[in-house]
Amino acid sequence: MIFHRSIDVQLAKLITEPLHRLCSTGFDFKEFPFVIIIDGLDECQGFDIQSGLVKSLVAAFRDSPLCIRILIASRPEVHLQSTFITSSIKPHLSRLALSSEYFPQTDIFRFLKESFDKIRREHPLASYIPSPWPSVGVLREITQKSSVQFIFASTTVKYIGGDPHQLPHRRLDVIRRLQPPKGEKDMPYAELNSLYHHVLSNVDNIEAVKLVLGTLIIVNPEFFYEEIINSTHKMDNWLSWQPGEAEACLSQLASVIECGADGKISILHASLSEFLLDHPRSQQFYLC
């Protein structure tokens, strides 16, 4: 019945109490430190469950003599950011933002190159793939389009090499828009579409969000002769909103749009614009 009990009870019975018993046998945790890794915290069902899990982990290990680190990977959703900065958690927290300062382009390029090499070796239709394929220029093009986001690169690879009945080089041409998809079921970015639908479906006021996104993606490119609307302050003025409304509106999109300390707005995923301007992909979130 343990899996029907609260998270606190599960942590105690399955993790902390066994570890304390191990410690009592003389096991040196300082010589052999433990790391608990929780990947995709933001994918748990329900905001309360996500925040509650963080609080339970802190309560379980805050005063523990065990040398244990907890690594949590998650998109920076606003409710989780609020949880992490509470007074009971913040002193025990170290945040690492996976930003462009870590030069992920190099890793993404390497990932793409090795993945395409594997497709060329192992795909059932590999004998029909022209050589050399793909060129270094194409690999760099896809790396650039990924906007330092691994999900774009991984989705691209899954689409190109994931179907044993489709020619990989033709699917690469679909990705590069050199050939059209084969019908409605041939969706190059199904996984990415699901991510964007998930993020946008959790927004409270989607019409307000679409106003902001439309300004960033459609209006700004038309303002090549003027100063573009690239900050929350300018966005509030442009939409005749009260100060702070634009930042509040974008707070639920922290995983795809960043508002800097100076209010500057940055779209983290370059593919978000393509998604929103493609009606079959974005559906109710389409920007006309």
Protein backbone atom coordinates (compact mmCIF):
# COMPACT_ATOMS: atom_id res chain seq x y z
CA MET A 1 0.00 0.00 0.00
CA ILE A 2 3.06 2.29 0.21
CA PHE A 3 2.49 3.74 -3.27
CA HIS A 4 -0.94 4.98 -2.21
CA ARG A 5 0.48 6.94 0.73
CA SER A 6 1.65 10.55 0.70
CA ILE A 7 4.94 11.59 -0.89
CA ASP A 8 6.35 12.31 2.60
CA VAL A 9 5.60 8.76 3.76
CA GLN A 10 7.00 7.26 0.57
CA LEU A 11 10.22 9.27 0.94
CA ALA A 12 10.58 8.18 4.56
CA LYS A 13 9.87 4.47 4.05
CA LEU A 14 11.58 3.94 0.69
CA ILE A 15 14.55 6.32 0.86
CA THR A 16 15.49 8.12 4.05
CA GLU A 17 14.91 5.33 6.59
CA PRO A 18 16.83 2.69 4.56
CA LEU A 19 19.68 5.18 4.06
CA HIS A 20 19.80 5.93 7.78
CA ARG A 21 20.00 2.20 8.48
CA LEU A 22 22.85 1.98 5.99
CA CYS A 23 24.56 4.89 7.76
CA SER A 24 24.25 3.08 11.11
CA THR A 25 26.30 0.17 9.72
CA GLY A 26 29.30 2.47 9.30
CA PHE A 27 28.84 3.35 5.63
CA ASP A 28 30.64 6.66 5.01
CA PHE A 29 28.40 8.97 3.00
CA LYS A 30 31.14 11.57 2.78
CA GLU A 31 33.38 9.14 0.94
CA PHE A 32 30.54 7.85 -1.25
CA PRO A 33 28.09 10.78 -1.71
CA PHE A 34 24.66 10.03 -3.14
CA VAL A 35 22.86 12.02 -5.83
CA ILE A 36 19.11 11.78 -6.36
CA ILE A 37 18.15 12.89 -9.88
CA ILE A 38 14.62 13.98 -10.75
CA ASP A 39 14.21 14.64 -14.46
CA GLY A 40 11.21 16.45 -15.91
CA LEU A 41 9.66 17.75 -12.68
CA ASP A 42 7.40 20.01 -14.76
CA GLU A 43 5.85 16.93 -16.42
CA CYS A 44 4.30 15.63 -13.18
CA GLN A 45 0.50 15.78 -13.16
CA GLY A 46 -0.60 18.96 -11.40
CA PHE A 47 1.18 22.12 -10.22
CA ASP A 48 0.48 21.31 -6.54
CA ILE A 49 2.13 17.89 -6.90
CA GLN A 50 5.22 19.42 -8.52
CA SER A 51 5.66 22.08 -5.83
CA GLY A 52 4.78 19.60 -3.09
CA LEU A 53 7.48 17.19 -4.23
CA VAL A 54 10.14 19.91 -3.92
CA LYS A 55 8.94 20.84 -0.42
CA SER A 56 8.88 17.18 0.65
CA LEU A 57 12.45 16.63 -0.56
CA VAL A 58 13.68 19.66 1.37
CA ALA A 59 11.85 18.55 4.51
CA ALA A 60 13.27 15.02 4.21
CA PHE A 61 16.92 15.99 3.78
CA ARG A 62 17.31 19.53 5.17
CA ASP A 63 18.46 18.39 8.65
CA SER A 64 19.73 14.97 7.61
CA PRO A 65 23.31 13.90 8.47
CA LEU A 66 23.45 12.11 5.12
CA CYS A 67 25.61 13.67 2.42
CA ILE A 68 23.04 13.75 -0.35
CA ARG A 69 22.62 16.05 -3.33
CA ILE A 70 19.34 16.37 -5.23
CA LEU A 71 19.49 17.36 -8.90
CA ILE A 72 16.17 18.52 -10.34
CA ALA A 73 15.79 19.15 -14.08
CA SER A 74 12.78 21.18 -15.19
CA ARG A 75 11.55 23.93 -17.42
CA PRO A 76 11.42 27.21 -15.43
CA GLU A 77 7.65 27.25 -14.93
CA VAL A 78 6.48 30.20 -12.83
CA HIS A 79 4.93 28.12 -10.03
CA LEU A 80 8.17 26.17 -9.63
CA GLN A 81 10.25 29.34 -9.59
CA SER A 82 7.97 30.65 -6.82
CA THR A 83 8.46 27.41 -4.88
CA PHE A 84 12.24 27.50 -5.17
CA ILE A 85 12.56 31.06 -3.83
CA THR A 86 10.57 30.43 -0.62
CA SER A 87 12.52 31.06 2.58
CA SER A 88 12.61 27.36 3.55
CA ILE A 89 14.11 26.26 0.22
CA LYS A 90 16.22 29.12 -1.18
CA PRO A 91 19.15 28.71 1.31
CA HIS A 92 19.60 25.09 0.16
CA LEU A 93 19.30 25.82 -3.56
CA SER A 94 21.83 26.35 -6.33
CA ARG A 95 20.36 27.16 -9.74
CA LEU A 96 22.05 26.33 -13.03
CA ALA A 97 20.43 27.81 -16.12
CA LEU A 98 21.27 25.86 -19.29
CA SER A 99 21.81 28.97 -21.37
CA SER A 100 23.95 29.69 -24.42
CA GLU A 101 27.00 30.42 -22.23
CA TYR A 102 27.69 26.67 -22.22
CA PHE A 103 28.01 26.63 -26.04
CA PRO A 104 25.40 23.89 -26.64
CA GLN A 105 25.75 24.41 -30.39
CA THR A 106 28.89 22.27 -30.32
CA ASP A 107 27.07 19.45 -28.53
CA ILE A 108 24.04 19.73 -30.82
CA PHE A 109 26.23 19.63 -33.95
CA ARG A 110 28.03 16.53 -32.59
CA PHE A 111 24.70 14.89 -31.72
CA LEU A 112 23.33 15.54 -35.22
CA LYS A 113 26.47 14.28 -36.94
CA GLU A 114 26.56 11.03 -34.93
CA SER A 115 22.80 10.51 -35.33
CA PHE A 116 22.93 10.95 -39.12
CA ASP A 117 25.94 8.60 -39.27
CA LYS A 118 23.87 5.98 -37.44
CA ILE A 119 20.91 6.47 -39.83
CA ARG A 120 23.28 6.02 -42.78
CA ARG A 121 24.61 2.76 -41.29
CA GLU A 122 21.45 1.17 -39.85
CA HIS A 123 18.35 2.42 -41.68
CA PRO A 124 16.66 -0.32 -43.79
CA LEU A 125 16.68 2.00 -46.80
CA ALA A 126 20.25 3.21 -46.24
CA SER A 127 21.39 1.90 -49.65
CA TYR A 128 19.27 4.60 -51.32
CA ILE A 129 20.79 7.48 -49.33
CA PRO A 130 23.16 9.53 -51.52
CA SER A 131 26.76 9.97 -50.42
CA PRO A 132 27.95 12.15 -48.81
CA TRP A 133 24.85 12.89 -46.75
CA PRO A 134 24.12 15.29 -45.22
CA SER A 135 26.64 18.01 -45.96
CA VAL A 136 28.38 19.95 -43.19
CA GLY A 137 26.44 23.00 -44.34
CA VAL A 138 23.10 21.24 -43.76
CA LEU A 139 24.22 20.08 -40.29
CA ARG A 140 25.14 23.67 -39.43
CA GLU A 141 21.79 24.88 -40.78
CA ILE A 142 19.84 22.50 -38.50
CA THR A 143 22.12 23.37 -35.56
CA GLN A 144 21.38 27.06 -36.13
CA LYS A 145 17.64 26.42 -36.34
CA SER A 146 17.71 24.56 -33.03
CA SER A 147 18.31 27.87 -31.16
CA VAL A 148 20.49 26.03 -28.62
CA GLN A 149 17.48 23.80 -27.75
CA PHE A 150 18.17 20.07 -27.90
CA ILE A 151 14.50 19.18 -28.37
CA PHE A 152 14.54 20.62 -31.90
CA ALA A 153 17.56 18.52 -32.87
CA SER A 154 16.22 15.33 -31.28
CA THR A 155 12.79 15.80 -32.90
CA THR A 156 14.46 16.32 -36.27
CA VAL A 157 16.48 13.10 -35.93
CA LYS A 158 13.46 11.05 -34.80
CA TYR A 159 11.44 12.22 -37.79
CA ILE A 160 14.18 11.66 -40.36
CA GLY A 161 15.32 8.22 -39.21
CA GLY A 162 12.41 6.95 -37.17
CA ASP A 163 10.28 5.37 -39.90
CA PRO A 164 11.80 2.29 -41.62
CA HIS A 165 9.38 2.72 -44.53
CA GLN A 166 10.39 6.30 -45.43
CA LEU A 167 13.52 7.53 -47.21
CA PRO A 168 15.63 9.51 -44.70
CA HIS A 169 17.04 11.92 -47.30
CA ARG A 170 13.52 12.75 -48.50
CA ARG A 171 12.43 13.45 -44.94
CA LEU A 172 15.43 15.73 -44.49
CA ASP A 173 14.21 17.65 -47.55
CA VAL A 174 10.78 17.96 -45.87
CA ILE A 175 12.47 19.40 -42.78
CA ARG A 176 14.32 21.90 -44.98
CA ARG A 177 11.06 22.68 -46.85
CA LEU A 178 12.49 21.45 -50.14
CA GLN A 179 9.66 18.89 -50.44
CA PRO A 180 6.12 18.84 -49.03
CA PRO A 181 5.05 16.31 -46.35
CA LYS A 182 3.13 13.22 -47.49
CA GLY A 183 -0.32 14.01 -46.17
CA GLU A 184 -1.60 15.07 -42.76
CA LYS A 185 0.01 12.16 -40.89
CA ASP A 186 3.48 13.11 -42.08
CA MET A 187 4.21 15.65 -39.32
CA PRO A 188 7.92 16.54 -39.07
CA TYR A 189 7.65 18.21 -35.68
CA ALA A 190 4.95 16.24 -33.88
CA GLU A 191 6.95 16.14 -30.62
CA LEU A 192 7.74 19.85 -30.78
CA ASN A 193 4.10 20.62 -31.59
CA SER A 194 3.05 18.69 -28.49
CA LEU A 195 5.47 20.70 -26.36
CA TYR A 196 4.13 24.04 -27.62
CA HIS A 197 0.51 22.91 -27.26
CA HIS A 198 1.24 21.78 -23.70
CA VAL A 199 2.86 25.12 -22.76
CA LEU A 200 0.18 27.29 -24.38
CA SER A 201 -2.72 25.19 -23.07
CA ASN A 202 -1.67 26.00 -19.50
CA VAL A 203 -1.93 29.76 -20.06
CA ASP A 204 -4.80 31.51 -18.25
CA ASN A 205 -5.47 34.32 -20.78
CA ILE A 206 -4.46 32.95 -24.16
CA GLU A 207 -5.92 35.89 -26.10
CA ALA A 208 -3.68 38.34 -24.23
CA VAL A 209 -0.70 36.05 -24.81
CA LYS A 210 -1.48 35.90 -28.54
CA LEU A 211 -1.50 39.73 -28.61
CA VAL A 212 2.01 39.77 -27.16
CA LEU A 213 3.27 36.96 -29.38
CA GLY A 214 1.70 38.56 -32.45
CA THR A 215 3.47 41.82 -31.64
CA LEU A 216 6.83 40.06 -31.21
CA ILE A 217 6.55 37.83 -34.26
CA ILE A 218 4.40 39.76 -36.77
CA VAL A 219 4.44 43.46 -35.86
CA ASN A 220 8.14 43.80 -34.97
CA PRO A 221 9.49 42.65 -38.37
CA GLU A 222 7.35 45.37 -39.99
CA PHE A 223 9.04 48.01 -37.82
CA PHE A 224 12.41 47.80 -39.56
CA TYR A 225 12.47 51.59 -39.78
CA GLU A 226 11.55 52.19 -36.13
CA GLU A 227 12.55 50.96 -32.69
CA ILE A 228 11.07 47.50 -32.21
CA ILE A 229 8.89 46.50 -29.25
CA ASN A 230 11.40 44.30 -27.46
CA SER A 231 10.72 44.94 -23.76
CA THR A 232 7.81 44.50 -21.37
CA HIS A 233 7.66 48.28 -20.82
CA LYS A 234 7.34 48.96 -24.56
CA MET A 235 4.81 46.14 -24.87
CA ASP A 236 2.63 47.67 -22.12
CA ASN A 237 2.71 51.03 -23.92
CA TRP A 238 2.01 49.48 -27.34
CA LEU A 239 -1.02 47.53 -26.10
CA SER A 240 -2.23 50.35 -23.79
CA TRP A 241 -1.86 48.07 -20.78
CA GLN A 242 -1.01 48.96 -17.21
CA PRO A 243 2.70 48.71 -16.31
CA GLY A 244 3.60 45.12 -15.52
CA GLU A 245 0.76 43.46 -17.45
CA ALA A 246 3.00 42.22 -20.26
CA GLU A 247 5.45 40.59 -17.85
CA ALA A 248 2.58 39.01 -15.91
CA CYS A 249 1.14 37.75 -19.19
CA LEU A 250 4.44 36.14 -20.22
CA SER A 251 5.20 34.64 -16.80
CA GLN A 252 3.45 31.40 -17.78
CA LEU A 253 5.65 31.05 -20.86
CA ALA A 254 8.99 31.03 -19.03
CA SER A 255 10.05 27.80 -20.75
CA VAL A 256 9.90 29.39 -24.22
CA ILE A 257 10.12 33.16 -23.60
CA GLU A 258 12.50 34.94 -21.25
CA CYS A 259 11.97 38.35 -19.64
CA GLY A 260 15.33 39.73 -18.49
CA ALA A 261 15.98 41.88 -15.44
CA ASP A 262 15.83 44.95 -17.71
CA GLY A 263 12.47 43.79 -19.13
CA LYS A 264 13.95 42.68 -22.46
CA ILE A 265 11.86 39.94 -24.08
CA SER A 266 13.67 37.04 -25.78
CA ILE A 267 12.04 34.12 -27.62
CA LEU A 268 14.17 31.13 -26.61
CA HIS A 269 12.92 28.75 -29.33
CA ALA A 270 13.28 30.05 -32.90
CA SER A 271 10.88 27.30 -34.02
CA LEU A 272 8.08 28.83 -31.91
CA SER A 273 7.48 31.46 -34.60
CA GLU A 274 7.21 28.83 -37.34
CA PHE A 275 4.78 26.87 -35.17
CA LEU A 276 2.49 29.84 -34.48
CA LEU A 277 2.41 30.95 -38.13
CA ASP A 278 1.51 27.45 -39.39
CA HIS A 279 -2.23 26.89 -38.88
CA PRO A 280 -2.27 23.06 -39.25
CA ARG A 281 0.41 22.84 -36.52
CA SER A 282 -0.75 25.49 -34.06
CA GLN A 283 -4.54 25.21 -34.59
CA GLN A 284 -6.27 27.35 -31.93
CA PHE A 285 -2.97 29.13 -31.17
CA TYR A 286 -2.46 30.24 -34.79
CA LEU A 287 -1.34 33.83 -35.39
CA CYS A 288 -3.02 35.14 -38.52
